[in-house]
Amino acid sequence: MAEHLIAVVGSSPGVGKSTLCSALARWIDGTGAVVDHFQEADVLTRASFRAVAEEFAGGTGSVRPRTLVQATKVYVEQARAGGVDVLVTDALIPFVPSLVAWGHDETSIAQVVHDLEEAVEPTRVSVVFLRGDPEAALRRAVEREGPEWTDWYVGKLRRSPGTRTVNDLASAADHLRRESELTLRVLAATRWNVLVVEVGERDAAQTEEYVRERLRGLLGEDLPGHGTQSWPGGDTSPGEEA
């Protein structure tokens, strides 16, 4: 089958992207396809992203866009050489939250996304964008992780040059709304399949079912058994699932 990358991104922490990624990886693995699940924390531990980890830890707390693009290219090429059919990635492509946090404007972010688009060809890309009310999602994250999570998350944003105006959860929610709009604008300019999922009142199982039904159409006959059966930019602290 042709290689396919499914990137799951979200409008805010607590919207359910990590939970969905895990569910999609299990589903695709169950079809007999070879799947690689790239979890959010992997961006600092995968061999293909070693240059990203080294640059991020080098004192500036940021990574050059070309380093992100090259690491993504290497990751996809290695997966292809290793016989991986489907890559399911959490908070990888298109890196918009990280780029915003590091102070890049929309023009430069759009160029990075264009460069990513070129770098991963001929791999087909589908981006699943989970959209929900940021305030409600942030409340869920606090309920799950405890009140100390607020200080961690707000502090992380406040320390970054592009998000220094964030000083509480209300201003974080405002920032996330603007960031979501920017993400959707730059994605609209790509040739990638973009699936916007309104989370709303859906629970995790309903969201998974909705996304699976639409991905079946995009993956088509490439799925075995088809027709017979389903960091600055990161939202999570270590070990946390959205």
C-alpha atoms as a PDB file:
ATOM      1  CA  MET A   1       0.000   0.000   0.000  1.00  0.00           C
ATOM      2  CA  ALA A   2       1.080   3.599  -0.451  1.00  0.00           C
ATOM      3  CA  GLU A   3       2.475   5.300   2.647  1.00  0.00           C
ATOM      4  CA  HIS A   4       0.002   7.559   4.434  1.00  0.00           C
ATOM      5  CA  LEU A   5       0.652   9.965   7.319  1.00  0.00           C
ATOM      6  CA  ILE A   6      -2.247  10.805   9.623  1.00  0.00           C
ATOM      7  CA  ALA A   7      -1.429  13.851  11.744  1.00  0.00           C
ATOM      8  CA  VAL A   8      -3.738  14.561  14.670  1.00  0.00           C
ATOM      9  CA  VAL A   9      -3.665  18.092  16.047  1.00  0.00           C
ATOM     10  CA  GLY A  10      -6.020  19.945  18.361  1.00  0.00           C
ATOM     11  CA  SER A  11      -7.290  23.393  19.171  1.00  0.00           C
ATOM     12  CA  SER A  12      -6.188  23.127  22.815  1.00  0.00           C
ATOM     13  CA  PRO A  13      -4.973  20.796  25.535  1.00  0.00           C
ATOM     14  CA  GLY A  14      -7.686  18.437  26.752  1.00  0.00           C
ATOM     15  CA  VAL A  15      -9.394  18.205  23.371  1.00  0.00           C
ATOM     16  CA  GLY A  16      -8.533  14.504  22.990  1.00  0.00           C
ATOM     17  CA  LYS A  17      -5.804  14.273  20.358  1.00  0.00           C
ATOM     18  CA  SER A  18      -3.504  11.855  22.200  1.00  0.00           C
ATOM     19  CA  THR A  19      -6.407   9.564  23.046  1.00  0.00           C
ATOM     20  CA  LEU A  20      -7.529   9.610  19.404  1.00  0.00           C
ATOM     21  CA  CYS A  21      -3.999   8.942  18.134  1.00  0.00           C
ATOM     22  CA  SER A  22      -3.693   5.843  20.296  1.00  0.00           C
ATOM     23  CA  ALA A  23      -7.095   4.578  19.184  1.00  0.00           C
ATOM     24  CA  LEU A  24      -6.338   5.143  15.492  1.00  0.00           C
ATOM     25  CA  ALA A  25      -2.979   3.392  15.777  1.00  0.00           C
ATOM     26  CA  ARG A  26      -4.656   0.352  17.370  1.00  0.00           C
ATOM     27  CA  TRP A  27      -7.373   0.295  14.700  1.00  0.00           C
ATOM     28  CA  ILE A  28      -4.953   0.529  11.775  1.00  0.00           C
ATOM     29  CA  ASP A  29      -2.653  -2.088  13.318  1.00  0.00           C
ATOM     30  CA  GLY A  30      -5.668  -4.381  13.605  1.00  0.00           C
ATOM     31  CA  THR A  31      -6.261  -4.199   9.857  1.00  0.00           C
ATOM     32  CA  GLY A  32      -2.892  -5.802   9.179  1.00  0.00           C
ATOM     33  CA  ALA A  33      -1.213  -2.609   8.010  1.00  0.00           C
ATOM     34  CA  VAL A  34       2.213  -1.727   9.411  1.00  0.00           C
ATOM     35  CA  VAL A  35       1.690   1.363  11.575  1.00  0.00           C
ATOM     36  CA  ASP A  36       4.061   3.657  13.418  1.00  0.00           C
ATOM     37  CA  HIS A  37       2.599   5.693  16.289  1.00  0.00           C
ATOM     38  CA  PHE A  38       4.655   8.861  16.802  1.00  0.00           C
ATOM     39  CA  GLN A  39       3.671  10.138  20.242  1.00  0.00           C
ATOM     40  CA  GLU A  40       4.055  13.759  21.296  1.00  0.00           C
ATOM     41  CA  ALA A  41       7.088  13.170  23.517  1.00  0.00           C
ATOM     42  CA  ASP A  42       8.865  11.318  20.681  1.00  0.00           C
ATOM     43  CA  VAL A  43       9.915  14.614  19.116  1.00  0.00           C
ATOM     44  CA  LEU A  44      12.700  14.771  21.723  1.00  0.00           C
ATOM     45  CA  THR A  45      13.609  11.062  21.753  1.00  0.00           C
ATOM     46  CA  ARG A  46      13.369   9.657  18.206  1.00  0.00           C
ATOM     47  CA  ALA A  47      16.685   9.155  16.432  1.00  0.00           C
ATOM     48  CA  SER A  48      15.387  10.947  13.346  1.00  0.00           C
ATOM     49  CA  PHE A  49      14.708  14.016  15.522  1.00  0.00           C
ATOM     50  CA  ARG A  50      18.068  14.018  17.313  1.00  0.00           C
ATOM     51  CA  ALA A  51      19.039  17.345  15.745  1.00  0.00           C
ATOM     52  CA  VAL A  52      15.761  18.845  16.973  1.00  0.00           C
ATOM     53  CA  ALA A  53      16.382  17.642  20.538  1.00  0.00           C
ATOM     54  CA  GLU A  54      19.971  18.895  20.507  1.00  0.00           C
ATOM     55  CA  GLU A  55      19.027  22.296  19.125  1.00  0.00           C
ATOM     56  CA  PHE A  56      16.146  22.687  21.558  1.00  0.00           C
ATOM     57  CA  ALA A  57      18.403  21.844  24.496  1.00  0.00           C
ATOM     58  CA  GLY A  58      21.197  24.074  23.229  1.00  0.00           C
ATOM     59  CA  GLY A  59      20.187  27.104  25.274  1.00  0.00           C
ATOM     60  CA  THR A  60      17.791  28.999  23.024  1.00  0.00           C
ATOM     61  CA  GLY A  61      14.711  26.900  23.849  1.00  0.00           C
ATOM     62  CA  SER A  62      13.736  26.929  20.186  1.00  0.00           C
ATOM     63  CA  VAL A  63      14.453  25.069  16.962  1.00  0.00           C
ATOM     64  CA  ARG A  64      15.150  26.452  13.509  1.00  0.00           C
ATOM     65  CA  PRO A  65      12.370  25.699  11.024  1.00  0.00           C
ATOM     66  CA  ARG A  66      14.754  24.024   8.598  1.00  0.00           C
ATOM     67  CA  THR A  67      15.794  21.626  11.367  1.00  0.00           C
ATOM     68  CA  LEU A  68      12.142  20.655  11.928  1.00  0.00           C
ATOM     69  CA  VAL A  69      11.593  20.186   8.208  1.00  0.00           C
ATOM     70  CA  GLN A  70      14.718  18.075   7.717  1.00  0.00           C
ATOM     71  CA  ALA A  71      13.939  15.883  10.738  1.00  0.00           C
ATOM     72  CA  THR A  72      10.425  15.262   9.453  1.00  0.00           C
ATOM     73  CA  LYS A  73      11.797  14.379   6.028  1.00  0.00           C
ATOM     74  CA  VAL A  74      14.231  11.883   7.580  1.00  0.00           C
ATOM     75  CA  TYR A  75      11.507  10.358   9.752  1.00  0.00           C
ATOM     76  CA  VAL A  76       9.173   9.805   6.809  1.00  0.00           C
ATOM     77  CA  GLU A  77      11.937   8.455   4.574  1.00  0.00           C
ATOM     78  CA  GLN A  78      13.090   6.018   7.273  1.00  0.00           C
ATOM     79  CA  ALA A  79       9.524   4.837   7.824  1.00  0.00           C
ATOM     80  CA  ARG A  80       9.106   4.276   4.105  1.00  0.00           C
ATOM     81  CA  ALA A  81      12.367   2.330   3.907  1.00  0.00           C
ATOM     82  CA  GLY A  82      11.265   0.267   6.892  1.00  0.00           C
ATOM     83  CA  GLY A  83       8.025  -0.791   5.240  1.00  0.00           C
ATOM     84  CA  VAL A  84       5.676   1.285   7.371  1.00  0.00           C
ATOM     85  CA  ASP A  85       2.275   1.709   5.712  1.00  0.00           C
ATOM     86  CA  VAL A  86       0.648   4.317   7.945  1.00  0.00           C
ATOM     87  CA  LEU A  87       2.192   6.860  10.308  1.00  0.00           C
ATOM     88  CA  VAL A  88      -0.062   8.211  13.051  1.00  0.00           C
ATOM     89  CA  THR A  89       1.459  11.319  14.617  1.00  0.00           C
ATOM     90  CA  ASP A  90       0.500  13.349  17.673  1.00  0.00           C
ATOM     91  CA  ALA A  91       1.330  17.081  17.513  1.00  0.00           C
ATOM     92  CA  LEU A  92       3.906  16.654  14.732  1.00  0.00           C
ATOM     93  CA  ILE A  93       2.879  18.188  11.389  1.00  0.00           C
ATOM     94  CA  PRO A  94       2.324  21.131  11.014  1.00  0.00           C
ATOM     95  CA  PHE A  95       4.206  22.375  14.167  1.00  0.00           C
ATOM     96  CA  VAL A  96       2.161  25.604  14.294  1.00  0.00           C
ATOM     97  CA  PRO A  97       1.926  25.879  18.115  1.00  0.00           C
ATOM     98  CA  SER A  98       5.696  25.585  18.462  1.00  0.00           C
ATOM     99  CA  LEU A  99       6.360  28.063  15.676  1.00  0.00           C
ATOM    100  CA  VAL A 100       3.928  30.563  17.194  1.00  0.00           C
ATOM    101  CA  ALA A 101       5.521  30.152  20.618  1.00  0.00           C
ATOM    102  CA  TRP A 102       8.966  30.797  19.135  1.00  0.00           C
ATOM    103  CA  GLY A 103       7.767  34.085  17.657  1.00  0.00           C
ATOM    104  CA  HIS A 104       7.287  33.293  13.966  1.00  0.00           C
ATOM    105  CA  ASP A 105       4.646  35.281  12.089  1.00  0.00           C
ATOM    106  CA  GLU A 106       1.981  33.842   9.802  1.00  0.00           C
ATOM    107  CA  THR A 107       3.994  34.392   6.619  1.00  0.00           C
ATOM    108  CA  SER A 108       6.988  32.456   7.911  1.00  0.00           C
ATOM    109  CA  ILE A 109       4.767  29.731   9.378  1.00  0.00           C
ATOM    110  CA  ALA A 110       3.024  29.304   6.039  1.00  0.00           C
ATOM    111  CA  GLN A 111       6.436  28.900   4.389  1.00  0.00           C
ATOM    112  CA  VAL A 112       7.440  26.226   6.910  1.00  0.00           C
ATOM    113  CA  VAL A 113       4.238  24.298   6.248  1.00  0.00           C
ATOM    114  CA  HIS A 114       4.869  24.570   2.500  1.00  0.00           C
ATOM    115  CA  ASP A 115       8.400  23.243   3.039  1.00  0.00           C
ATOM    116  CA  LEU A 116       6.991  20.355   5.088  1.00  0.00           C
ATOM    117  CA  GLU A 117       4.555  19.594   2.301  1.00  0.00           C
ATOM    118  CA  GLU A 118       7.443  19.271  -0.142  1.00  0.00           C
ATOM    119  CA  ALA A 119       9.626  17.350   2.308  1.00  0.00           C
ATOM    120  CA  VAL A 120       7.205  14.479   2.917  1.00  0.00           C
ATOM    121  CA  GLU A 121       6.223  13.823  -0.698  1.00  0.00           C
ATOM    122  CA  PRO A 122       5.174  11.376  -2.072  1.00  0.00           C
ATOM    123  CA  THR A 123       3.672  10.347   1.269  1.00  0.00           C
ATOM    124  CA  ARG A 124      -0.004  11.201   1.397  1.00  0.00           C
ATOM    125  CA  VAL A 125      -0.994  13.338   4.385  1.00  0.00           C
ATOM    126  CA  SER A 126      -4.302  13.634   6.207  1.00  0.00           C
ATOM    127  CA  VAL A 127      -4.536  16.141   9.056  1.00  0.00           C
ATOM    128  CA  VAL A 128      -7.263  15.579  11.651  1.00  0.00           C
ATOM    129  CA  PHE A 129      -7.937  18.854  13.459  1.00  0.00           C
ATOM    130  CA  LEU A 130      -9.948  18.405  16.664  1.00  0.00           C
ATOM    131  CA  ARG A 131     -11.740  21.648  17.413  1.00  0.00           C
ATOM    132  CA  GLY A 132     -13.481  22.406  20.672  1.00  0.00           C
ATOM    133  CA  ASP A 133     -14.081  25.265  23.073  1.00  0.00           C
ATOM    134  CA  PRO A 134     -10.614  26.083  24.529  1.00  0.00           C
ATOM    135  CA  GLU A 135     -11.997  27.169  27.894  1.00  0.00           C
ATOM    136  CA  ALA A 136     -13.902  23.910  28.347  1.00  0.00           C
ATOM    137  CA  ALA A 137     -10.914  21.866  27.186  1.00  0.00           C
ATOM    138  CA  LEU A 138      -8.551  23.685  29.551  1.00  0.00           C
ATOM    139  CA  ARG A 139     -10.946  23.038  32.431  1.00  0.00           C
ATOM    140  CA  ARG A 140     -10.895  19.323  31.574  1.00  0.00           C
ATOM    141  CA  ALA A 141      -7.097  19.357  31.552  1.00  0.00           C
ATOM    142  CA  VAL A 142      -7.028  20.983  34.999  1.00  0.00           C
ATOM    143  CA  GLU A 143      -9.594  18.530  36.368  1.00  0.00           C
ATOM    144  CA  ARG A 144      -7.545  15.618  35.079  1.00  0.00           C
ATOM    145  CA  GLU A 145      -4.061  16.844  36.014  1.00  0.00           C
ATOM    146  CA  GLY A 146      -4.757  18.966  39.089  1.00  0.00           C
ATOM    147  CA  PRO A 147      -4.411  22.703  39.786  1.00  0.00           C
ATOM    148  CA  GLU A 148      -0.612  22.615  39.482  1.00  0.00           C
ATOM    149  CA  TRP A 149      -1.052  21.934  35.755  1.00  0.00           C
ATOM    150  CA  THR A 150      -2.338  25.500  35.326  1.00  0.00           C
ATOM    151  CA  ASP A 151       0.941  26.962  36.580  1.00  0.00           C
ATOM    152  CA  TRP A 152       2.932  24.595  34.356  1.00  0.00           C
ATOM    153  CA  TYR A 153       0.950  25.373  31.207  1.00  0.00           C
ATOM    154  CA  VAL A 154       0.573  29.127  31.677  1.00  0.00           C
ATOM    155  CA  GLY A 155       4.220  29.392  32.719  1.00  0.00           C
ATOM    156  CA  LYS A 156       5.336  27.510  29.609  1.00  0.00           C
ATOM    157  CA  LEU A 157       3.459  29.918  27.368  1.00  0.00           C
ATOM    158  CA  ARG A 158       4.571  33.007  29.270  1.00  0.00           C
ATOM    159  CA  ARG A 159       8.246  32.048  28.903  1.00  0.00           C
ATOM    160  CA  SER A 160       8.028  31.832  25.106  1.00  0.00           C
ATOM    161  CA  PRO A 161       8.516  34.988  23.002  1.00  0.00           C
ATOM    162  CA  GLY A 162       5.433  34.488  20.867  1.00  0.00           C
ATOM    163  CA  THR A 163       3.054  33.840  23.774  1.00  0.00           C
ATOM    164  CA  ARG A 164       4.314  36.180  26.490  1.00  0.00           C
ATOM    165  CA  THR A 165       0.949  37.896  26.784  1.00  0.00           C
ATOM    166  CA  VAL A 166      -0.588  34.749  28.305  1.00  0.00           C
ATOM    167  CA  ASN A 167      -0.902  35.154  32.087  1.00  0.00           C
ATOM    168  CA  ASP A 168      -3.886  32.986  33.039  1.00  0.00           C
ATOM    169  CA  LEU A 169      -6.257  30.393  31.588  1.00  0.00           C
ATOM    170  CA  ALA A 170      -8.577  33.044  30.129  1.00  0.00           C
ATOM    171  CA  SER A 171      -5.783  34.667  28.114  1.00  0.00           C
ATOM    172  CA  ALA A 172      -4.516  31.190  27.191  1.00  0.00           C
ATOM    173  CA  ALA A 173      -7.952  30.368  25.747  1.00  0.00           C
ATOM    174  CA  ASP A 174      -7.908  33.587  23.701  1.00  0.00           C
ATOM    175  CA  HIS A 175      -4.466  32.700  22.372  1.00  0.00           C
ATOM    176  CA  LEU A 176      -5.591  29.184  21.462  1.00  0.00           C
ATOM    177  CA  ARG A 177      -8.561  30.509  19.482  1.00  0.00           C
ATOM    178  CA  ARG A 178      -6.274  32.718  17.392  1.00  0.00           C
ATOM    179  CA  GLU A 179      -3.778  29.899  16.965  1.00  0.00           C
ATOM    180  CA  SER A 180      -6.518  27.536  15.740  1.00  0.00           C
ATOM    181  CA  GLU A 181      -7.646  30.040  13.126  1.00  0.00           C
ATOM    182  CA  LEU A 182      -4.059  30.482  11.925  1.00  0.00           C
ATOM    183  CA  THR A 183      -3.537  26.706  11.760  1.00  0.00           C
ATOM    184  CA  LEU A 184      -6.624  26.200   9.633  1.00  0.00           C
ATOM    185  CA  ARG A 185      -5.628  29.033   7.296  1.00  0.00           C
ATOM    186  CA  VAL A 186      -2.190  27.590   6.585  1.00  0.00           C
ATOM    187  CA  LEU A 187      -3.568  24.061   6.246  1.00  0.00           C
ATOM    188  CA  ALA A 188      -6.137  25.285   3.726  1.00  0.00           C
ATOM    189  CA  ALA A 189      -3.280  26.327   1.434  1.00  0.00           C
ATOM    190  CA  THR A 190      -1.814  22.807   1.323  1.00  0.00           C
ATOM    191  CA  ARG A 191      -2.688  19.817  -0.856  1.00  0.00           C
ATOM    192  CA  TRP A 192      -3.209  17.706   2.248  1.00  0.00           C
ATOM    193  CA  ASN A 193      -6.529  16.192   3.247  1.00  0.00           C
ATOM    194  CA  VAL A 194      -7.781  18.257   6.200  1.00  0.00           C
ATOM    195  CA  LEU A 195     -10.554  16.838   8.376  1.00  0.00           C
ATOM    196  CA  VAL A 196     -11.937  19.330  10.922  1.00  0.00           C
ATOM    197  CA  VAL A 197     -13.785  17.529  13.713  1.00  0.00           C
ATOM    198  CA  GLU A 198     -16.038  19.542  16.000  1.00  0.00           C
ATOM    199  CA  VAL A 199     -15.591  17.773  19.303  1.00  0.00           C
ATOM    200  CA  GLY A 200     -18.498  19.509  21.039  1.00  0.00           C
ATOM    201  CA  GLU A 201     -20.487  16.975  23.025  1.00  0.00           C
ATOM    202  CA  ARG A 202     -18.775  13.937  21.496  1.00  0.00           C
ATOM    203  CA  ASP A 203     -16.980  11.665  23.913  1.00  0.00           C
ATOM    204  CA  ALA A 204     -13.737   9.894  22.997  1.00  0.00           C
ATOM    205  CA  ALA A 205     -15.493   6.839  21.536  1.00  0.00           C
ATOM    206  CA  GLN A 206     -17.828   8.952  19.399  1.00  0.00           C
ATOM    207  CA  THR A 207     -14.939  11.061  18.134  1.00  0.00           C
ATOM    208  CA  GLU A 208     -12.989   7.935  17.223  1.00  0.00           C
ATOM    209  CA  GLU A 209     -15.941   6.428  15.359  1.00  0.00           C
ATOM    210  CA  TYR A 210     -16.544   9.662  13.438  1.00  0.00           C
ATOM    211  CA  VAL A 211     -12.882   9.986  12.416  1.00  0.00           C
ATOM    212  CA  ARG A 212     -12.526   6.310  11.510  1.00  0.00           C
ATOM    213  CA  GLU A 213     -15.487   6.464   9.150  1.00  0.00           C
ATOM    214  CA  ARG A 214     -13.977   9.417   7.311  1.00  0.00           C
ATOM    215  CA  LEU A 215     -10.469   8.004   7.231  1.00  0.00           C
ATOM    216  CA  ARG A 216     -11.785   4.797   5.668  1.00  0.00           C
ATOM    217  CA  GLY A 217     -12.752   6.881   2.665  1.00  0.00           C
ATOM    218  CA  LEU A 218      -9.308   8.508   2.490  1.00  0.00           C
ATOM    219  CA  LEU A 219      -7.339   5.301   3.018  1.00  0.00           C
ATOM    220  CA  GLY A 220      -9.692   3.434   0.699  1.00  0.00           C
ATOM    221  CA  GLU A 221      -8.546   0.106  -0.653  1.00  0.00           C
ATOM    222  CA  ASP A 222      -5.094   0.650   0.830  1.00  0.00           C
ATOM    223  CA  LEU A 223      -6.273  -0.717   4.183  1.00  0.00           C
ATOM    224  CA  PRO A 224      -6.099  -4.499   4.399  1.00  0.00           C
ATOM    225  CA  GLY A 225      -9.542  -5.903   5.091  1.00  0.00           C
ATOM    226  CA  HIS A 226     -11.260  -2.853   3.608  1.00  0.00           C
ATOM    227  CA  GLY A 227     -14.935  -3.523   3.165  1.00  0.00           C
ATOM    228  CA  THR A 228     -14.981  -6.429   5.631  1.00  0.00           C
ATOM    229  CA  GLN A 229     -14.963  -4.467   8.911  1.00  0.00           C
ATOM    230  CA  SER A 230     -11.988   0.142  12.178  1.00  0.00           C
ATOM    231  CA  TRP A 231       6.926  20.462  23.943  1.00  0.00           C
ATOM    232  CA  PRO A 232       6.459  24.421  23.252  1.00  0.00           C
ATOM    233  CA  GLY A 233       3.817  23.280  20.798  1.00  0.00           C
ATOM    234  CA  GLY A 234       2.794  20.273  22.834  1.00  0.00           C
ATOM    235  CA  ASP A 235      -0.283  20.198  25.021  1.00  0.00           C
ATOM    236  CA  THR A 236       0.894  17.642  27.516  1.00  0.00           C
ATOM    237  CA  SER A 237       3.427  17.324  30.254  1.00  0.00           C
ATOM    238  CA  PRO A 238       5.344  13.997  30.386  1.00  0.00           C
ATOM    239  CA  GLY A 239       3.047  10.997  30.691  1.00  0.00           C
ATOM    240  CA  GLU A 240      -0.161  12.936  30.118  1.00  0.00           C
ATOM    241  CA  GLU A 241      -2.798  12.011  27.532  1.00  0.00           C
ATOM    242  CA  ALA A 242      -5.200  14.508  26.029  1.00  0.00           C
END
